[in-house]
Amino acid sequence: MNTGWPEALVIAIIVIGGVALISTWVASRAGVASEKAKGTNAEQYGKLVADYEDLTRETREVQAAMQADLAGLREKVGSIERMMREVG
């Protein structure tokens, strides 16, 4: 059976249309999966940022408390040194 150019053209159009339809469907499913992954990553990133901000705040509070403790210790050492000079 020989096919002429009109039949070959119709078959080619059907094959190209089928490939285009399948590739569009696959691309849309991949896009949906990609957007879902982006949403999950953005949520995880937001949690990480919040944890980092909490850690930063806690570190600053600890540093401030340590500075106050060191200032108190310096005063105590200074008064002990004065007492030692007075006695010795």
N, C-alpha and C. Protein backbone atom coordinates (compact mmCIF):
# COMPACT_ATOMS: atom_id res chain seq x y z
N MET A 1 0.84 -1.17 0.00
CA MET A 1 0.00 0.00 0.00
C MET A 1 0.90 1.24 0.00
N ASN A 2 0.72 2.06 -0.96
CA ASN A 2 1.46 3.31 -1.07
C ASN A 2 0.60 4.45 -0.55
N THR A 3 1.23 5.30 0.24
CA THR A 3 0.50 6.47 0.71
C THR A 3 1.02 7.69 -0.02
N GLY A 4 0.13 8.54 -0.35
CA GLY A 4 0.51 9.76 -1.05
C GLY A 4 0.89 10.84 -0.03
N TRP A 5 1.28 11.96 -0.55
CA TRP A 5 1.71 13.03 0.35
C TRP A 5 0.59 13.57 1.21
N PRO A 6 -0.70 13.60 0.78
CA PRO A 6 -1.72 14.10 1.70
C PRO A 6 -1.90 13.20 2.92
N GLU A 7 -1.87 11.89 2.69
CA GLU A 7 -2.02 10.97 3.83
C GLU A 7 -0.80 11.06 4.76
N ALA A 8 0.39 11.17 4.18
CA ALA A 8 1.61 11.29 4.98
C ALA A 8 1.58 12.58 5.79
N LEU A 9 1.06 13.64 5.22
CA LEU A 9 0.96 14.92 5.92
C LEU A 9 0.00 14.80 7.10
N VAL A 10 -1.12 14.16 6.90
CA VAL A 10 -2.10 13.97 7.99
C VAL A 10 -1.49 13.14 9.10
N ILE A 11 -0.80 12.06 8.74
CA ILE A 11 -0.17 11.20 9.75
C ILE A 11 0.90 11.99 10.52
N ALA A 12 1.69 12.78 9.80
CA ALA A 12 2.73 13.58 10.46
C ALA A 12 2.11 14.60 11.42
N ILE A 13 1.02 15.22 11.00
CA ILE A 13 0.34 16.20 11.87
C ILE A 13 -0.20 15.52 13.12
N ILE A 14 -0.78 14.33 12.95
CA ILE A 14 -1.33 13.60 14.10
C ILE A 14 -0.20 13.21 15.06
N VAL A 15 0.92 12.72 14.52
CA VAL A 15 2.05 12.32 15.37
C VAL A 15 2.62 13.54 16.08
N ILE A 16 2.84 14.63 15.37
CA ILE A 16 3.38 15.85 15.98
C ILE A 16 2.42 16.39 17.04
N GLY A 17 1.13 16.38 16.75
CA GLY A 17 0.12 16.83 17.73
C GLY A 17 0.13 15.96 18.97
N GLY A 18 0.24 14.63 18.77
CA GLY A 18 0.29 13.72 19.93
C GLY A 18 1.52 13.97 20.78
N VAL A 19 2.66 14.14 20.16
CA VAL A 19 3.90 14.42 20.90
C VAL A 19 3.77 15.75 21.64
N ALA A 20 3.23 16.76 20.98
CA ALA A 20 3.05 18.07 21.62
C ALA A 20 2.11 17.97 22.81
N LEU A 21 1.03 17.21 22.65
CA LEU A 21 0.06 17.04 23.75
C LEU A 21 0.71 16.34 24.94
N ILE A 22 1.44 15.28 24.67
CA ILE A 22 2.08 14.52 25.75
C ILE A 22 3.16 15.38 26.43
N SER A 23 3.95 16.10 25.65
CA SER A 23 5.00 16.92 26.25
C SER A 23 4.41 18.06 27.07
N THR A 24 3.30 18.63 26.64
CA THR A 24 2.62 19.68 27.41
C THR A 24 2.11 19.12 28.73
N TRP A 25 1.52 17.95 28.69
CA TRP A 25 1.01 17.32 29.91
C TRP A 25 2.15 17.02 30.89
N VAL A 26 3.26 16.48 30.38
CA VAL A 26 4.41 16.17 31.24
C VAL A 26 4.99 17.46 31.83
N ALA A 27 5.10 18.50 31.02
CA ALA A 27 5.65 19.77 31.50
C ALA A 27 4.76 20.38 32.57
N SER A 28 3.45 20.29 32.40
CA SER A 28 2.56 20.87 33.42
C SER A 28 2.65 20.10 34.72
N ARG A 29 2.76 18.78 34.66
CA ARG A 29 2.92 17.99 35.89
C ARG A 29 4.25 18.29 36.56
N ALA A 30 5.30 18.48 35.77
CA ALA A 30 6.60 18.83 36.33
C ALA A 30 6.55 20.22 36.96
N GLY A 31 5.82 21.14 36.34
CA GLY A 31 5.67 22.48 36.90
C GLY A 31 4.95 22.46 38.24
N VAL A 32 3.91 21.65 38.34
CA VAL A 32 3.17 21.53 39.59
C VAL A 32 4.09 20.94 40.67
N ALA A 33 4.85 19.92 40.34
CA ALA A 33 5.77 19.32 41.30
C ALA A 33 6.85 20.31 41.70
N SER A 34 7.32 21.10 40.75
CA SER A 34 8.34 22.10 41.04
C SER A 34 7.80 23.17 41.98
N GLU A 35 6.60 23.64 41.75
CA GLU A 35 6.00 24.65 42.62
C GLU A 35 5.77 24.09 44.03
N LYS A 36 5.37 22.83 44.12
CA LYS A 36 5.17 22.21 45.42
C LYS A 36 6.51 22.14 46.17
N ALA A 37 7.57 21.78 45.47
CA ALA A 37 8.90 21.71 46.09
C ALA A 37 9.36 23.09 46.51
N LYS A 38 9.09 24.11 45.70
CA LYS A 38 9.46 25.48 46.06
C LYS A 38 8.73 25.91 47.32
N GLY A 39 7.45 25.57 47.42
CA GLY A 39 6.68 25.92 48.61
C GLY A 39 7.24 25.25 49.85
N THR A 40 7.60 23.99 49.73
CA THR A 40 8.19 23.26 50.86
C THR A 40 9.53 23.87 51.24
N ASN A 41 10.35 24.19 50.24
CA ASN A 41 11.65 24.78 50.52
C ASN A 41 11.51 26.16 51.16
N ALA A 42 10.55 26.94 50.69
CA ALA A 42 10.33 28.27 51.26
C ALA A 42 9.89 28.15 52.71
N GLU A 43 9.04 27.17 53.00
CA GLU A 43 8.58 26.96 54.37
C GLU A 43 9.75 26.54 55.27
N GLN A 44 10.59 25.64 54.78
CA GLN A 44 11.75 25.21 55.55
C GLN A 44 12.72 26.37 55.75
N TYR A 45 12.90 27.20 54.73
CA TYR A 45 13.78 28.36 54.82
C TYR A 45 13.24 29.34 55.86
N GLY A 46 11.93 29.56 55.88
CA GLY A 46 11.33 30.45 56.87
C GLY A 46 11.55 29.94 58.28
N LYS A 47 11.43 28.64 58.48
CA LYS A 47 11.68 28.07 59.81
C LYS A 47 13.14 28.24 60.19
N LEU A 48 14.03 28.04 59.24
CA LEU A 48 15.46 28.20 59.51
C LEU A 48 15.79 29.63 59.89
N VAL A 49 15.20 30.58 59.19
CA VAL A 49 15.42 32.00 59.49
C VAL A 49 14.91 32.32 60.89
N ALA A 50 13.73 31.82 61.23
CA ALA A 50 13.18 32.07 62.57
C ALA A 50 14.07 31.47 63.65
N ASP A 51 14.56 30.25 63.42
CA ASP A 51 15.47 29.62 64.39
C ASP A 51 16.75 30.43 64.54
N TYR A 52 17.29 30.91 63.44
CA TYR A 52 18.51 31.71 63.48
C TYR A 52 18.29 33.02 64.24
N GLU A 53 17.14 33.66 64.00
CA GLU A 53 16.84 34.90 64.72
C GLU A 53 16.71 34.64 66.22
N ASP A 54 16.08 33.53 66.60
CA ASP A 54 15.98 33.17 68.02
C ASP A 54 17.36 32.94 68.62
N LEU A 55 18.21 32.23 67.90
CA LEU A 55 19.56 31.96 68.37
C LEU A 55 20.35 33.26 68.52
N THR A 56 20.19 34.17 67.57
CA THR A 56 20.88 35.46 67.65
C THR A 56 20.43 36.25 68.87
N ARG A 57 19.12 36.27 69.11
CA ARG A 57 18.59 36.98 70.27
C ARG A 57 19.12 36.37 71.57
N GLU A 58 19.09 35.05 71.66
CA GLU A 58 19.59 34.38 72.87
C GLU A 58 21.07 34.65 73.08
N THR A 59 21.85 34.65 72.01
CA THR A 59 23.28 34.93 72.11
C THR A 59 23.52 36.33 72.62
N ARG A 60 22.78 37.29 72.13
CA ARG A 60 22.94 38.67 72.61
C ARG A 60 22.57 38.78 74.08
N GLU A 61 21.52 38.09 74.50
CA GLU A 61 21.13 38.14 75.91
C GLU A 61 22.21 37.51 76.79
N VAL A 62 22.77 36.39 76.36
CA VAL A 62 23.82 35.73 77.12
C VAL A 62 25.06 36.62 77.19
N GLN A 63 25.40 37.27 76.08
CA GLN A 63 26.56 38.16 76.07
C GLN A 63 26.35 39.33 77.04
N ALA A 64 25.16 39.90 77.05
CA ALA A 64 24.87 41.01 77.96
C ALA A 64 24.97 40.54 79.41
N ALA A 65 24.45 39.35 79.71
CA ALA A 65 24.53 38.82 81.07
C ALA A 65 25.98 38.55 81.46
N MET A 66 26.77 38.03 80.54
CA MET A 66 28.20 37.78 80.83
C MET A 66 28.94 39.08 81.08
N GLN A 67 28.63 40.12 80.33
CA GLN A 67 29.28 41.41 80.54
C GLN A 67 28.93 41.96 81.92
N ALA A 68 27.68 41.81 82.31
CA ALA A 68 27.28 42.28 83.65
C ALA A 68 28.00 41.47 84.72
N ASP A 69 28.10 40.15 84.55
CA ASP A 69 28.80 39.31 85.52
C ASP A 69 30.28 39.69 85.60
N LEU A 70 30.90 39.92 84.45
CA LEU A 70 32.31 40.31 84.44
C LEU A 70 32.52 41.66 85.11
N ALA A 71 31.60 42.59 84.90
CA ALA A 71 31.71 43.89 85.55
C ALA A 71 31.63 43.72 87.07
N GLY A 72 30.73 42.86 87.52
CA GLY A 72 30.62 42.59 88.96
C GLY A 72 31.88 41.94 89.50
N LEU A 73 32.44 41.00 88.77
CA LEU A 73 33.68 40.36 89.21
C LEU A 73 34.84 41.35 89.24
N ARG A 74 34.89 42.25 88.27
CA ARG A 74 35.96 43.26 88.28
C ARG A 74 35.86 44.13 89.53
N GLU A 75 34.65 44.50 89.91
CA GLU A 75 34.48 45.30 91.13
C GLU A 75 34.96 44.53 92.35
N LYS A 76 34.59 43.25 92.43
CA LYS A 76 34.99 42.43 93.58
C LYS A 76 36.51 42.26 93.62
N VAL A 77 37.13 42.02 92.47
CA VAL A 77 38.58 41.87 92.42
C VAL A 77 39.25 43.19 92.81
N GLY A 78 38.70 44.29 92.34
CA GLY A 78 39.25 45.60 92.69
C GLY A 78 39.17 45.85 94.19
N SER A 79 38.05 45.52 94.81
CA SER A 79 37.95 45.75 96.24
C SER A 79 38.85 44.78 97.02
N ILE A 80 39.03 43.55 96.53
CA ILE A 80 39.95 42.62 97.19
C ILE A 80 41.38 43.15 97.07
N GLU A 81 41.74 43.68 95.91
CA GLU A 81 43.08 44.24 95.74
C GLU A 81 43.30 45.42 96.67
N ARG A 82 42.29 46.28 96.83
CA ARG A 82 42.41 47.41 97.76
C ARG A 82 42.60 46.93 99.19
N MET A 83 41.83 45.92 99.57
CA MET A 83 41.96 45.37 100.93
C MET A 83 43.35 44.77 101.12
N MET A 84 43.86 44.07 100.11
CA MET A 84 45.19 43.47 100.23
C MET A 84 46.27 44.55 100.34
N ARG A 85 46.11 45.66 99.63
CA ARG A 85 47.09 46.76 99.72
C ARG A 85 47.04 47.39 101.11
N GLU A 86 45.82 47.54 101.64
CA GLU A 86 45.67 48.16 102.96
C GLU A 86 46.25 47.25 104.05
N VAL A 87 46.04 45.97 103.90
CA VAL A 87 46.54 45.04 104.92
C VAL A 87 48.04 44.83 104.76
N GLY A 88 48.50 44.68 103.54
CA GLY A 88 49.88 44.32 103.31
C GLY A 88 50.73 45.47 103.07
